[in-house]
Structure formats: C-alpha cells, structure tokens
Amino acid sequence: MRYWLFKSEPSTWSWDQQVAKGDAGEEWDGVRNYQARNFMREMAVGDRGFFYHSQKEKSVVGIVEVCAEAHLDSTTDDDRWECVDIKAVAPILTPVTLDMIKADPRLADMVLVKNSRLSVQPVTEEEWNIILALGGSQS
C-alpha cells in the first residue's frame, strides 16, 4: 500500500461532502497539473490518503482510500487528464495543521512542506504514521 495527500479548498469540495458520498466515493477531478496527474496514475485501489483542507484551514482533516484507479476525468474531453476515485475512511480526530507539520523536524522533507502548491502528492509511510499520531488517529 502507498500513501498520498489530496488537497481541496473546502469551499469547493469539503471533507463533509466527501463523507456524504459514502462507499461509492467520488472522482478526484479537475486536476490540471501533470505531476499530480502522474501521481494518480501510480495509485492502486486500496491506497490510503490524507484529505487536506487548503486555503484558510490548511490542515489534514481525514483519511481516504482509492476506490477506482486512474481513468479519464469526466469533467473534460481532453484525454490527457485522468483522475482516481476516493472514498472517506475516517476523520482525523484532531486536525493536523500545516504549522504543526512544518514545526516537526521529522516532516521537514515532506512534499507538503517543500511544494505546498501540488494538489496530489505522495506521503512516505513514516510521514503517514507521524501525522496519524499527531492527529490522535489510526488508519
């Protein structure tokens, strides 16, 4: 299993909306960055990810699971753009803020710290476990 982070502006797509989709999940559509798209192409069903609220909140708020591998993004006719489907698994008990992540020296090399603009990014197993611990959660 691999780990990922999915960033969303809560005013556009929030954790609550993701939870409301249930086990059917939802396409992680609208990504128009080649690096983020390529990361989605690497994902497998069952991979886990953090659901991250960007903008003002800037925090990890939930855990999601990939429930459909990369396929054509239904929001475009351009076949260069693909997406995966994700479903909510569990909330993070205590949201883990970007400030908390940046303050932890164990997370200094995390993609979120080094390239905070990338909307879909990998997370190492060690980073995954540290963030779960910071949030008082288990996967």
C-alpha atoms as a PDB file:
ATOM      1  CA  MET A   1       0.000   0.000   0.000  1.00  0.00           C
ATOM      2  CA  ARG A   2       1.130   3.519  -0.795  1.00  0.00           C
ATOM      3  CA  TYR A   3       0.147   6.770   0.842  1.00  0.00           C
ATOM      4  CA  TRP A   4      -0.919  10.099  -0.640  1.00  0.00           C
ATOM      5  CA  LEU A   5      -2.258  13.532   0.196  1.00  0.00           C
ATOM      6  CA  PHE A   6      -5.219  15.105  -1.627  1.00  0.00           C
ATOM      7  CA  LYS A   7      -5.660  18.871  -1.256  1.00  0.00           C
ATOM      8  CA  SER A   8      -9.005  20.567  -1.631  1.00  0.00           C
ATOM      9  CA  GLU A   9     -10.367  24.018  -0.996  1.00  0.00           C
ATOM     10  CA  PRO A  10     -13.216  23.345   1.450  1.00  0.00           C
ATOM     11  CA  SER A  11     -15.369  25.957  -0.300  1.00  0.00           C
ATOM     12  CA  THR A  12     -15.113  23.822  -3.466  1.00  0.00           C
ATOM     13  CA  TRP A  13     -15.069  20.265  -2.051  1.00  0.00           C
ATOM     14  CA  SER A  14     -15.008  19.649   1.689  1.00  0.00           C
ATOM     15  CA  TRP A  15     -14.385  16.658   3.919  1.00  0.00           C
ATOM     16  CA  ASP A  16     -18.105  16.631   4.804  1.00  0.00           C
ATOM     17  CA  GLN A  17     -19.025  16.413   1.121  1.00  0.00           C
ATOM     18  CA  GLN A  18     -16.537  13.561   0.660  1.00  0.00           C
ATOM     19  CA  VAL A  19     -18.025  11.697   3.631  1.00  0.00           C
ATOM     20  CA  ALA A  20     -21.531  12.184   2.195  1.00  0.00           C
ATOM     21  CA  LYS A  21     -20.526  10.226  -0.937  1.00  0.00           C
ATOM     22  CA  GLY A  22     -20.191   7.064   1.177  1.00  0.00           C
ATOM     23  CA  ASP A  23     -18.566   3.902  -0.148  1.00  0.00           C
ATOM     24  CA  ALA A  24     -19.249   4.903  -3.754  1.00  0.00           C
ATOM     25  CA  GLY A  25     -16.697   7.677  -3.367  1.00  0.00           C
ATOM     26  CA  GLU A  26     -16.135  10.475  -5.808  1.00  0.00           C
ATOM     27  CA  GLU A  27     -13.810  11.322  -8.678  1.00  0.00           C
ATOM     28  CA  TRP A  28     -10.860  13.475  -7.675  1.00  0.00           C
ATOM     29  CA  ASP A  29     -11.482  15.521 -10.794  1.00  0.00           C
ATOM     30  CA  GLY A  30     -10.339  18.865 -12.106  1.00  0.00           C
ATOM     31  CA  VAL A  31      -6.612  18.299 -11.591  1.00  0.00           C
ATOM     32  CA  ARG A  32      -4.706  20.042 -14.384  1.00  0.00           C
ATOM     33  CA  ASN A  33      -1.138  19.539 -13.268  1.00  0.00           C
ATOM     34  CA  TYR A  34       0.927  16.851 -14.986  1.00  0.00           C
ATOM     35  CA  GLN A  35       2.871  15.857 -11.881  1.00  0.00           C
ATOM     36  CA  ALA A  36      -0.323  15.460  -9.816  1.00  0.00           C
ATOM     37  CA  ARG A  37      -1.952  13.504 -12.669  1.00  0.00           C
ATOM     38  CA  ASN A  38       1.073  11.225 -12.897  1.00  0.00           C
ATOM     39  CA  PHE A  39       0.869  10.524  -9.171  1.00  0.00           C
ATOM     40  CA  MET A  40      -2.775   9.480  -9.646  1.00  0.00           C
ATOM     41  CA  ARG A  41      -1.689   7.132 -12.421  1.00  0.00           C
ATOM     42  CA  GLU A  42       0.575   5.402  -9.868  1.00  0.00           C
ATOM     43  CA  MET A  43      -2.257   4.802  -7.385  1.00  0.00           C
ATOM     44  CA  ALA A  44      -3.851   1.430  -6.771  1.00  0.00           C
ATOM     45  CA  VAL A  45      -7.207   0.526  -5.266  1.00  0.00           C
ATOM     46  CA  GLY A  46      -6.726   0.337  -1.511  1.00  0.00           C
ATOM     47  CA  ASP A  47      -4.026   3.004  -1.300  1.00  0.00           C
ATOM     48  CA  ARG A  48      -4.709   5.452   1.520  1.00  0.00           C
ATOM     49  CA  GLY A  49      -4.511   9.216   1.529  1.00  0.00           C
ATOM     50  CA  PHE A  50      -4.910  12.236   3.713  1.00  0.00           C
ATOM     51  CA  PHE A  51      -7.718  14.652   2.883  1.00  0.00           C
ATOM     52  CA  TYR A  52      -6.245  18.127   3.316  1.00  0.00           C
ATOM     53  CA  HIS A  53      -8.243  21.354   3.547  1.00  0.00           C
ATOM     54  CA  SER A  54      -6.287  24.149   1.887  1.00  0.00           C
ATOM     55  CA  GLN A  55      -6.943  27.905   1.961  1.00  0.00           C
ATOM     56  CA  LYS A  56      -7.545  29.192   5.487  1.00  0.00           C
ATOM     57  CA  GLU A  57      -7.721  25.870   7.360  1.00  0.00           C
ATOM     58  CA  LYS A  58      -4.515  24.325   5.975  1.00  0.00           C
ATOM     59  CA  SER A  59      -4.900  21.034   7.803  1.00  0.00           C
ATOM     60  CA  VAL A  60      -5.215  17.286   7.384  1.00  0.00           C
ATOM     61  CA  VAL A  61      -8.812  16.522   8.341  1.00  0.00           C
ATOM     62  CA  GLY A  62      -9.497  12.986   7.115  1.00  0.00           C
ATOM     63  CA  ILE A  63      -8.336   9.676   5.718  1.00  0.00           C
ATOM     64  CA  VAL A  64      -9.472   8.495   2.301  1.00  0.00           C
ATOM     65  CA  GLU A  65      -8.971   5.362   0.247  1.00  0.00           C
ATOM     66  CA  VAL A  66      -8.534   5.000  -3.502  1.00  0.00           C
ATOM     67  CA  CYS A  67     -11.590   3.057  -4.728  1.00  0.00           C
ATOM     68  CA  ALA A  68     -11.032   3.303  -8.513  1.00  0.00           C
ATOM     69  CA  GLU A  69      -7.752   3.506 -10.383  1.00  0.00           C
ATOM     70  CA  ALA A  70      -6.903   6.288 -12.832  1.00  0.00           C
ATOM     71  CA  HIS A  71      -9.457   6.853 -15.597  1.00  0.00           C
ATOM     72  CA  LEU A  72     -10.497   9.728 -17.853  1.00  0.00           C
ATOM     73  CA  ASP A  73     -11.594  12.767 -15.852  1.00  0.00           C
ATOM     74  CA  SER A  74     -15.297  13.181 -16.608  1.00  0.00           C
ATOM     75  CA  THR A  75     -15.065  16.984 -16.354  1.00  0.00           C
ATOM     76  CA  THR A  76     -13.116  17.292 -19.615  1.00  0.00           C
ATOM     77  CA  ASP A  77     -12.993  15.899 -23.151  1.00  0.00           C
ATOM     78  CA  ASP A  78      -9.196  16.202 -23.135  1.00  0.00           C
ATOM     79  CA  ASP A  79      -7.802  12.680 -22.797  1.00  0.00           C
ATOM     80  CA  ARG A  80      -4.578  13.947 -21.175  1.00  0.00           C
ATOM     81  CA  TRP A  81      -6.401  14.371 -17.862  1.00  0.00           C
ATOM     82  CA  GLU A  82      -7.138  11.417 -15.645  1.00  0.00           C
ATOM     83  CA  CYS A  83      -8.243  11.018 -12.058  1.00  0.00           C
ATOM     84  CA  VAL A  84      -8.894   8.389  -9.412  1.00  0.00           C
ATOM     85  CA  ASP A  85     -11.968   7.914  -7.252  1.00  0.00           C
ATOM     86  CA  ILE A  86     -11.605   8.180  -3.487  1.00  0.00           C
ATOM     87  CA  LYS A  87     -13.879   7.403  -0.562  1.00  0.00           C
ATOM     88  CA  ALA A  88     -13.800   8.667   3.013  1.00  0.00           C
ATOM     89  CA  VAL A  89     -12.500   6.200   5.604  1.00  0.00           C
ATOM     90  CA  ALA A  90     -12.277   8.163   8.854  1.00  0.00           C
ATOM     91  CA  PRO A  91     -11.838  11.680  10.186  1.00  0.00           C
ATOM     92  CA  ILE A  92      -8.587  12.766  11.782  1.00  0.00           C
ATOM     93  CA  LEU A  93      -9.532  13.106  15.457  1.00  0.00           C
ATOM     94  CA  THR A  94      -7.516  16.301  15.891  1.00  0.00           C
ATOM     95  CA  PRO A  95      -6.838  18.102  12.586  1.00  0.00           C
ATOM     96  CA  VAL A  96      -3.113  18.344  11.866  1.00  0.00           C
ATOM     97  CA  THR A  97      -2.297  21.850  10.689  1.00  0.00           C
ATOM     98  CA  LEU A  98       0.364  22.850   8.209  1.00  0.00           C
ATOM     99  CA  ASP A  99       2.058  24.785  11.018  1.00  0.00           C
ATOM    100  CA  MET A 100       2.235  21.586  13.104  1.00  0.00           C
ATOM    101  CA  ILE A 101       3.694  19.707  10.149  1.00  0.00           C
ATOM    102  CA  LYS A 102       6.287  22.404   9.459  1.00  0.00           C
ATOM    103  CA  ALA A 103       7.234  22.545  13.153  1.00  0.00           C
ATOM    104  CA  ASP A 104       8.012  18.812  13.300  1.00  0.00           C
ATOM    105  CA  PRO A 105      11.610  18.216  12.143  1.00  0.00           C
ATOM    106  CA  ARG A 106      10.722  14.627  11.206  1.00  0.00           C
ATOM    107  CA  LEU A 107       8.479  16.051   8.454  1.00  0.00           C
ATOM    108  CA  ALA A 108      10.984  18.559   7.022  1.00  0.00           C
ATOM    109  CA  ASP A 109      11.331  16.614   3.748  1.00  0.00           C
ATOM    110  CA  MET A 110       7.602  16.061   3.228  1.00  0.00           C
ATOM    111  CA  VAL A 111       6.350  17.178  -0.198  1.00  0.00           C
ATOM    112  CA  LEU A 112       3.674  19.289   1.520  1.00  0.00           C
ATOM    113  CA  VAL A 113       6.442  21.302   3.197  1.00  0.00           C
ATOM    114  CA  LYS A 114       8.633  21.612   0.102  1.00  0.00           C
ATOM    115  CA  ASN A 115       5.936  22.019  -2.589  1.00  0.00           C
ATOM    116  CA  SER A 116       2.780  23.148  -0.851  1.00  0.00           C
ATOM    117  CA  ARG A 117       1.011  24.035  -4.120  1.00  0.00           C
ATOM    118  CA  LEU A 118       0.888  20.483  -5.516  1.00  0.00           C
ATOM    119  CA  SER A 119      -2.700  19.221  -5.191  1.00  0.00           C
ATOM    120  CA  VAL A 120      -1.935  15.479  -5.183  1.00  0.00           C
ATOM    121  CA  GLN A 121       1.292  14.265  -3.659  1.00  0.00           C
ATOM    122  CA  PRO A 122       2.983  11.199  -2.201  1.00  0.00           C
ATOM    123  CA  VAL A 123       3.422  10.655   1.529  1.00  0.00           C
ATOM    124  CA  THR A 124       6.006   8.230   2.906  1.00  0.00           C
ATOM    125  CA  GLU A 125       4.941   5.543   5.375  1.00  0.00           C
ATOM    126  CA  GLU A 126       6.943   7.285   8.109  1.00  0.00           C
ATOM    127  CA  GLU A 127       5.243  10.639   7.379  1.00  0.00           C
ATOM    128  CA  TRP A 128       1.878   8.870   7.349  1.00  0.00           C
ATOM    129  CA  ASN A 129       2.448   7.384  10.793  1.00  0.00           C
ATOM    130  CA  ILE A 130       3.749  10.649  12.271  1.00  0.00           C
ATOM    131  CA  ILE A 131       0.714  12.611  11.042  1.00  0.00           C
ATOM    132  CA  LEU A 132      -1.674   9.930  12.296  1.00  0.00           C
ATOM    133  CA  ALA A 133      -0.004  10.155  15.718  1.00  0.00           C
ATOM    134  CA  LEU A 134      -0.169  13.967  15.721  1.00  0.00           C
ATOM    135  CA  GLY A 135      -3.878  13.734  14.932  1.00  0.00           C
ATOM    136  CA  GLY A 136      -4.577  11.014  17.503  1.00  0.00           C
ATOM    137  CA  SER A 137      -5.836   8.725  14.727  1.00  0.00           C
ATOM    138  CA  GLN A 138      -5.224   5.263  13.349  1.00  0.00           C
ATOM    139  CA  SER A 139      -5.590   4.142   9.746  1.00  0.00           C
END
